[in-house]
PDB file of all heavy atoms in Angstrom:
ATOM      1  N   THR A   1       0.820  -1.230   0.000  1.00  0.00           N
ATOM      2  CA  THR A   1       0.000   0.000   0.000  1.00  0.00           C
ATOM      3  C   THR A   1       0.845   1.267   0.000  1.00  0.00           C
ATOM      4  O   THR A   1       0.310   2.354  -0.228  1.00  0.00           O
ATOM      5  CB  THR A   1      -0.915   0.021   1.238  1.00  0.00           C
ATOM      6  OG1 THR A   1      -0.110   0.083   2.422  1.00  0.00           O
ATOM      7  CG2 THR A   1      -1.790  -1.221   1.294  1.00  0.00           C
ATOM      8  N   VAL A   2       2.139   1.134   0.261  1.00  0.00           N
ATOM      9  CA  VAL A   2       3.004   2.328   0.366  1.00  0.00           C
ATOM     10  C   VAL A   2       3.049   3.132  -0.933  1.00  0.00           C
ATOM     11  O   VAL A   2       2.962   4.376  -0.901  1.00  0.00           O
ATOM     12  CB  VAL A   2       4.420   1.921   0.828  1.00  0.00           C
ATOM     13  CG1 VAL A   2       5.399   3.087   0.675  1.00  0.00           C
ATOM     14  CG2 VAL A   2       4.385   1.458   2.269  1.00  0.00           C
ATOM     15  N   PRO A   3       3.196   2.488  -2.111  1.00  0.00           N
ATOM     16  CA  PRO A   3       3.234   3.301  -3.343  1.00  0.00           C
ATOM     17  C   PRO A   3       2.004   4.188  -3.515  1.00  0.00           C
ATOM     18  O   PRO A   3       2.118   5.310  -4.037  1.00  0.00           O
ATOM     19  CB  PRO A   3       3.313   2.244  -4.451  1.00  0.00           C
ATOM     20  CG  PRO A   3       3.978   1.074  -3.801  1.00  0.00           C
ATOM     21  CD  PRO A   3       3.452   1.066  -2.400  1.00  0.00           C
ATOM     22  N   ALA A   4       0.847   3.706  -3.081  1.00  0.00           N
ATOM     23  CA  ALA A   4      -0.370   4.525  -3.204  1.00  0.00           C
ATOM     24  C   ALA A   4      -0.271   5.770  -2.337  1.00  0.00           C
ATOM     25  O   ALA A   4      -0.646   6.880  -2.769  1.00  0.00           O
ATOM     26  CB  ALA A   4      -1.587   3.689  -2.816  1.00  0.00           C
ATOM     27  N   PHE A   5       0.244   5.622  -1.103  1.00  0.00           N
ATOM     28  CA  PHE A   5       0.422   6.789  -0.235  1.00  0.00           C
ATOM     29  C   PHE A   5       1.436   7.761  -0.847  1.00  0.00           C
ATOM     30  O   PHE A   5       1.249   8.981  -0.814  1.00  0.00           O
ATOM     31  CB  PHE A   5       0.905   6.346   1.150  1.00  0.00           C
ATOM     32  CG  PHE A   5      -0.181   5.793   2.022  1.00  0.00           C
ATOM     33  CD1 PHE A   5      -0.296   4.435   2.221  1.00  0.00           C
ATOM     34  CD2 PHE A   5      -1.101   6.635   2.644  1.00  0.00           C
ATOM     35  CE1 PHE A   5      -1.299   3.914   3.020  1.00  0.00           C
ATOM     36  CE2 PHE A   5      -2.111   6.129   3.443  1.00  0.00           C
ATOM     37  CZ  PHE A   5      -2.220   4.756   3.639  1.00  0.00           C
ATOM     38  N   ALA A   6       2.506   7.208  -1.413  1.00  0.00           N
ATOM     39  CA  ALA A   6       3.533   8.058  -2.014  1.00  0.00           C
ATOM     40  C   ALA A   6       2.967   8.820  -3.213  1.00  0.00           C
ATOM     41  O   ALA A   6       3.240  10.017  -3.400  1.00  0.00           O
ATOM     42  CB  ALA A   6       4.720   7.197  -2.443  1.00  0.00           C
ATOM     43  N   HIS A   7       2.166   8.122  -4.027  1.00  0.00           N
ATOM     44  CA  HIS A   7       1.554   8.785  -5.187  1.00  0.00           C
ATOM     45  C   HIS A   7       0.604   9.882  -4.736  1.00  0.00           C
ATOM     46  O   HIS A   7       0.562  10.974  -5.342  1.00  0.00           O
ATOM     47  CB  HIS A   7       0.804   7.738  -6.021  1.00  0.00           C
ATOM     48  CG  HIS A   7       0.118   8.316  -7.219  1.00  0.00           C
ATOM     49  ND1 HIS A   7       0.797   8.743  -8.348  1.00  0.00           N
ATOM     50  CD2 HIS A   7      -1.208   8.563  -7.465  1.00  0.00           C
ATOM     51  CE1 HIS A   7      -0.062   9.228  -9.224  1.00  0.00           C
ATOM     52  NE2 HIS A   7      -1.295   9.114  -8.716  1.00  0.00           N
ATOM     53  N   TYR A   8      -0.136   9.624  -3.668  1.00  0.00           N
ATOM     54  CA  TYR A   8      -1.064  10.628  -3.141  1.00  0.00           C
ATOM     55  C   TYR A   8      -0.308  11.862  -2.667  1.00  0.00           C
ATOM     56  O   TYR A   8      -0.790  12.999  -2.787  1.00  0.00           O
ATOM     57  CB  TYR A   8      -1.855  10.025  -1.984  1.00  0.00           C
ATOM     58  CG  TYR A   8      -2.820  10.988  -1.332  1.00  0.00           C
ATOM     59  CD1 TYR A   8      -4.038  11.310  -1.949  1.00  0.00           C
ATOM     60  CD2 TYR A   8      -2.513  11.578  -0.106  1.00  0.00           C
ATOM     61  CE1 TYR A   8      -4.915  12.205  -1.350  1.00  0.00           C
ATOM     62  CE2 TYR A   8      -3.384  12.477   0.487  1.00  0.00           C
ATOM     63  CZ  TYR A   8      -4.594  12.786  -0.127  1.00  0.00           C
ATOM     64  OH  TYR A   8      -5.450  13.672   0.471  1.00  0.00           O
ATOM     65  N   ALA A   9       0.919  11.652  -2.155  1.00  0.00           N
ATOM     66  CA  ALA A   9       1.731  12.765  -1.667  1.00  0.00           C
ATOM     67  C   ALA A   9       2.502  13.438  -2.790  1.00  0.00           C
ATOM     68  O   ALA A   9       3.272  14.375  -2.550  1.00  0.00           O
ATOM     69  CB  ALA A   9       2.704  12.273  -0.597  1.00  0.00           C
ATOM     70  N   GLY A  10       2.322  12.936  -4.017  1.00  0.00           N
ATOM     71  CA  GLY A  10       2.972  13.562  -5.154  1.00  0.00           C
ATOM     72  C   GLY A  10       4.382  13.083  -5.392  1.00  0.00           C
ATOM     73  O   GLY A  10       5.182  13.792  -6.013  1.00  0.00           O
ATOM     74  N   GLY A  11       4.721  11.902  -4.956  1.00  0.00           N
ATOM     75  CA  GLY A  11       6.072  11.377  -5.151  1.00  0.00           C
ATOM     76  C   GLY A  11       6.022   9.888  -5.435  1.00  0.00           C
ATOM     77  O   GLY A  11       4.968   9.315  -5.683  1.00  0.00           O
ATOM     78  N   ALA A  12       7.190   9.265  -5.420  1.00  0.00           N
ATOM     79  CA  ALA A  12       7.290   7.820  -5.668  1.00  0.00           C
ATOM     80  C   ALA A  12       8.424   7.247  -4.832  1.00  0.00           C
ATOM     81  O   ALA A  12       9.394   7.939  -4.523  1.00  0.00           O
ATOM     82  CB  ALA A  12       7.531   7.550  -7.145  1.00  0.00           C
ATOM     83  N   ILE A  13       8.276   6.005  -4.476  1.00  0.00           N
ATOM     84  CA  ILE A  13       9.315   5.313  -3.701  1.00  0.00           C
ATOM     85  C   ILE A  13       9.818   4.156  -4.546  1.00  0.00           C
ATOM     86  O   ILE A  13       9.027   3.310  -4.985  1.00  0.00           O
ATOM     87  CB  ILE A  13       8.764   4.806  -2.362  1.00  0.00           C
ATOM     88  CG1 ILE A  13       8.363   6.003  -1.484  1.00  0.00           C
ATOM     89  CG2 ILE A  13       9.798   3.947  -1.635  1.00  0.00           C
ATOM     90  CD1 ILE A  13       7.793   5.624  -0.150  1.00  0.00           C
ATOM     91  N   PRO A  14      11.132   4.075  -4.798  1.00  0.00           N
ATOM     92  CA  PRO A  14      11.688   3.019  -5.650  1.00  0.00           C
ATOM     93  C   PRO A  14      11.423   1.628  -5.086  1.00  0.00           C
ATOM     94  O   PRO A  14      11.307   1.430  -3.872  1.00  0.00           O
ATOM     95  CB  PRO A  14      13.193   3.332  -5.665  1.00  0.00           C
ATOM     96  CG  PRO A  14      13.298   4.763  -5.273  1.00  0.00           C
ATOM     97  CD  PRO A  14      12.166   5.022  -4.345  1.00  0.00           C
ATOM     98  N   VAL A  15      11.373   0.651  -6.004  1.00  0.00           N
ATOM     99  CA  VAL A  15      11.161  -0.744  -5.612  1.00  0.00           C
ATOM    100  C   VAL A  15      12.271  -1.215  -4.672  1.00  0.00           C
ATOM    101  O   VAL A  15      12.023  -1.976  -3.733  1.00  0.00           O
ATOM    102  CB  VAL A  15      11.102  -1.647  -6.866  1.00  0.00           C
ATOM    103  CG1 VAL A  15      11.083  -3.121  -6.474  1.00  0.00           C
ATOM    104  CG2 VAL A  15       9.900  -1.301  -7.710  1.00  0.00           C
ATOM    105  N   VAL A  16      13.488  -0.749  -4.919  1.00  0.00           N
ATOM    106  CA  VAL A  16      14.620  -1.152  -4.075  1.00  0.00           C
ATOM    107  C   VAL A  16      14.380  -0.740  -2.628  1.00  0.00           C
ATOM    108  O   VAL A  16      14.614  -1.513  -1.688  1.00  0.00           O
ATOM    109  CB  VAL A  16      15.934  -0.530  -4.604  1.00  0.00           C
ATOM    110  CG1 VAL A  16      17.080  -0.783  -3.621  1.00  0.00           C
ATOM    111  CG2 VAL A  16      16.276  -1.082  -5.971  1.00  0.00           C
ATOM    112  N   VAL A  17      13.897   0.472  -2.426  1.00  0.00           N
ATOM    113  CA  VAL A  17      13.653   0.972  -1.072  1.00  0.00           C
ATOM    114  C   VAL A  17      12.468   0.237  -0.439  1.00  0.00           C
ATOM    115  O   VAL A  17      12.495  -0.106   0.754  1.00  0.00           O
ATOM    116  CB  VAL A  17      13.401   2.489  -1.100  1.00  0.00           C
ATOM    117  CG1 VAL A  17      13.053   3.008   0.298  1.00  0.00           C
ATOM    118  CG2 VAL A  17      14.618   3.217  -1.642  1.00  0.00           C
ATOM    119  N   LEU A  18      11.433  -0.023  -1.230  1.00  0.00           N
ATOM    120  CA  LEU A  18      10.287  -0.782  -0.718  1.00  0.00           C
ATOM    121  C   LEU A  18      10.727  -2.177  -0.273  1.00  0.00           C
ATOM    122  O   LEU A  18      10.275  -2.693   0.759  1.00  0.00           O
ATOM    123  CB  LEU A  18       9.211  -0.896  -1.792  1.00  0.00           C
ATOM    124  CG  LEU A  18       8.365   0.346  -2.080  1.00  0.00           C
ATOM    125  CD1 LEU A  18       7.475   0.116  -3.282  1.00  0.00           C
ATOM    126  CD2 LEU A  18       7.528   0.716  -0.861  1.00  0.00           C
ATOM    127  N   SER A  19      11.606  -2.772  -1.057  1.00  0.00           N
ATOM    128  CA  SER A  19      12.105  -4.109  -0.713  1.00  0.00           C
ATOM    129  C   SER A  19      12.882  -4.072   0.595  1.00  0.00           C
ATOM    130  O   SER A  19      12.754  -4.970   1.441  1.00  0.00           O
ATOM    131  CB  SER A  19      13.000  -4.637  -1.836  1.00  0.00           C
ATOM    132  OG  SER A  19      12.286  -4.726  -3.050  1.00  0.00           O
ATOM    133  N   ALA A  20      13.691  -3.040   0.757  1.00  0.00           N
ATOM    134  CA  ALA A  20      14.455  -2.896   2.003  1.00  0.00           C
ATOM    135  C   ALA A  20      13.514  -2.737   3.187  1.00  0.00           C
ATOM    136  O   ALA A  20      13.736  -3.301   4.274  1.00  0.00           O
ATOM    137  CB  ALA A  20      15.396  -1.701   1.902  1.00  0.00           C
ATOM    138  N   LEU A  21      12.434  -1.955   2.981  1.00  0.00           N
ATOM    139  CA  LEU A  21      11.449  -1.773   4.048  1.00  0.00           C
ATOM    140  C   LEU A  21      10.826  -3.111   4.437  1.00  0.00           C
ATOM    141  O   LEU A  21      10.688  -3.438   5.621  1.00  0.00           O
ATOM    142  CB  LEU A  21      10.360  -0.804   3.589  1.00  0.00           C
ATOM    143  CG  LEU A  21       9.151  -0.657   4.533  1.00  0.00           C
ATOM    144  CD1 LEU A  21       9.584  -0.082   5.877  1.00  0.00           C
ATOM    145  CD2 LEU A  21       8.069   0.203   3.909  1.00  0.00           C
ATOM    146  N   LEU A  22      10.472  -3.928   3.441  1.00  0.00           N
ATOM    147  CA  LEU A  22       9.846  -5.217   3.726  1.00  0.00           C
ATOM    148  C   LEU A  22      10.776  -6.106   4.553  1.00  0.00           C
ATOM    149  O   LEU A  22      10.345  -6.719   5.537  1.00  0.00           O
ATOM    150  CB  LEU A  22       9.483  -5.917   2.409  1.00  0.00           C
ATOM    151  CG  LEU A  22       8.933  -7.345   2.554  1.00  0.00           C
ATOM    152  CD1 LEU A  22       7.621  -7.341   3.325  1.00  0.00           C
ATOM    153  CD2 LEU A  22       8.753  -7.994   1.182  1.00  0.00           C
ATOM    154  N   ILE A  23      12.038  -6.177   4.183  1.00  0.00           N
ATOM    155  CA  ILE A  23      12.975  -7.069   4.876  1.00  0.00           C
ATOM    156  C   ILE A  23      13.212  -6.609   6.312  1.00  0.00           C
ATOM    157  O   ILE A  23      13.402  -7.431   7.216  1.00  0.00           O
ATOM    158  CB  ILE A  23      14.312  -7.159   4.109  1.00  0.00           C
ATOM    159  CG1 ILE A  23      14.062  -7.737   2.711  1.00  0.00           C
ATOM    160  CG2 ILE A  23      15.316  -8.015   4.863  1.00  0.00           C
ATOM    161  CD1 ILE A  23      13.326  -9.065   2.700  1.00  0.00           C
ATOM    162  N   THR A  24      13.186  -5.298   6.559  1.00  0.00           N
ATOM    163  CA  THR A  24      13.354  -4.835   7.937  1.00  0.00           C
ATOM    164  C   THR A  24      12.084  -5.019   8.758  1.00  0.00           C
ATOM    165  O   THR A  24      12.142  -5.108   9.986  1.00  0.00           O
ATOM    166  CB  THR A  24      13.758  -3.343   7.979  1.00  0.00           C
ATOM    167  OG1 THR A  24      12.810  -2.577   7.234  1.00  0.00           O
ATOM    168  CG2 THR A  24      15.141  -3.151   7.406  1.00  0.00           C
ATOM    169  N   LEU A  25      10.924  -5.087   8.078  1.00  0.00           N
ATOM    170  CA  LEU A  25       9.668  -5.263   8.797  1.00  0.00           C
ATOM    171  C   LEU A  25       9.435  -6.724   9.190  1.00  0.00           C
ATOM    172  O   LEU A  25       9.004  -7.019  10.302  1.00  0.00           O
ATOM    173  CB  LEU A  25       8.495  -4.781   7.938  1.00  0.00           C
ATOM    174  CG  LEU A  25       8.288  -3.262   7.807  1.00  0.00           C
ATOM    175  CD1 LEU A  25       7.199  -2.967   6.799  1.00  0.00           C
ATOM    176  CD2 LEU A  25       7.937  -2.639   9.147  1.00  0.00           C
ATOM    177  N   ILE A  26       9.708  -7.655   8.284  1.00  0.00           N
ATOM    178  CA  ILE A  26       9.402  -9.059   8.575  1.00  0.00           C
ATOM    179  C   ILE A  26      10.420  -9.616   9.586  1.00  0.00           C
ATOM    180  O   ILE A  26      11.567  -9.181   9.630  1.00  0.00           O
ATOM    181  CB  ILE A  26       9.362  -9.918   7.288  1.00  0.00           C
ATOM    182  CG1 ILE A  26      10.724  -9.937   6.595  1.00  0.00           C
ATOM    183  CG2 ILE A  26       8.277  -9.441   6.363  1.00  0.00           C
ATOM    184  CD1 ILE A  26      10.766 -10.822   5.358  1.00  0.00           C
ATOM    185  N   PRO A  27      10.001 -10.595  10.408  1.00  0.00           N
ATOM    186  CA  PRO A  27      10.854 -11.088  11.503  1.00  0.00           C
ATOM    187  C   PRO A  27      11.934 -12.062  11.025  1.00  0.00           C
ATOM    188  O   PRO A  27      11.880 -13.263  11.268  1.00  0.00           O
ATOM    189  CB  PRO A  27       9.855 -11.770  12.440  1.00  0.00           C
ATOM    190  CG  PRO A  27       8.747 -12.210  11.540  1.00  0.00           C
ATOM    191  CD  PRO A  27       8.651 -11.210  10.446  1.00  0.00           C
ATOM    192  N   THR A  28      12.937 -11.548  10.317  1.00  0.00           N
ATOM    193  CA  THR A  28      13.984 -12.405   9.758  1.00  0.00           C
ATOM    194  C   THR A  28      14.870 -13.023  10.848  1.00  0.00           C
ATOM    195  O   THR A  28      15.350 -14.149  10.686  1.00  0.00           O
ATOM    196  CB  THR A  28      14.869 -11.614   8.789  1.00  0.00           C
ATOM    197  OG1 THR A  28      15.341 -10.437   9.456  1.00  0.00           O
ATOM    198  CG2 THR A  28      14.100 -11.220   7.543  1.00  0.00           C
ATOM    199  N   THR A  29      15.087 -12.315  11.948  1.00  0.00           N
ATOM    200  CA  THR A  29      16.038 -12.796  12.961  1.00  0.00           C
ATOM    201  C   THR A  29      15.575 -14.110  13.572  1.00  0.00           C
ATOM    202  O   THR A  29      16.291 -15.116  13.549  1.00  0.00           O
ATOM    203  CB  THR A  29      16.234 -11.743  14.062  1.00  0.00           C
ATOM    204  OG1 THR A  29      16.630 -10.502  13.460  1.00  0.00           O
ATOM    205  CG2 THR A  29      17.312 -12.188  15.045  1.00  0.00           C
ATOM    206  N   ILE A  30      14.372 -14.138  14.134  1.00  0.00           N
ATOM    207  CA  ILE A  30      13.901 -15.361  14.782  1.00  0.00           C
ATOM    208  C   ILE A  30      13.610 -16.433  13.739  1.00  0.00           C
ATOM    209  O   ILE A  30      13.803 -17.631  13.989  1.00  0.00           O
ATOM    210  CB  ILE A  30      12.656 -15.084  15.663  1.00  0.00           C
ATOM    211  CG1 ILE A  30      12.290 -16.335  16.462  1.00  0.00           C
ATOM    212  CG2 ILE A  30      11.491 -14.588  14.839  1.00  0.00           C
ATOM    213  CD1 ILE A  30      13.369 -16.855  17.375  1.00  0.00           C
TER     214      ILE A  30
END
C-alpha cells in the first residue's frame, strides 16, 4: 500500500527501497 500513499503525496518510492522496508519489517532474525 506504500506506493499509493507516495503517489497521493505527489512522489514515488523506488522498488529497491520498498524491498528494504519489507525485509526490515518481517521477523527475519527469529
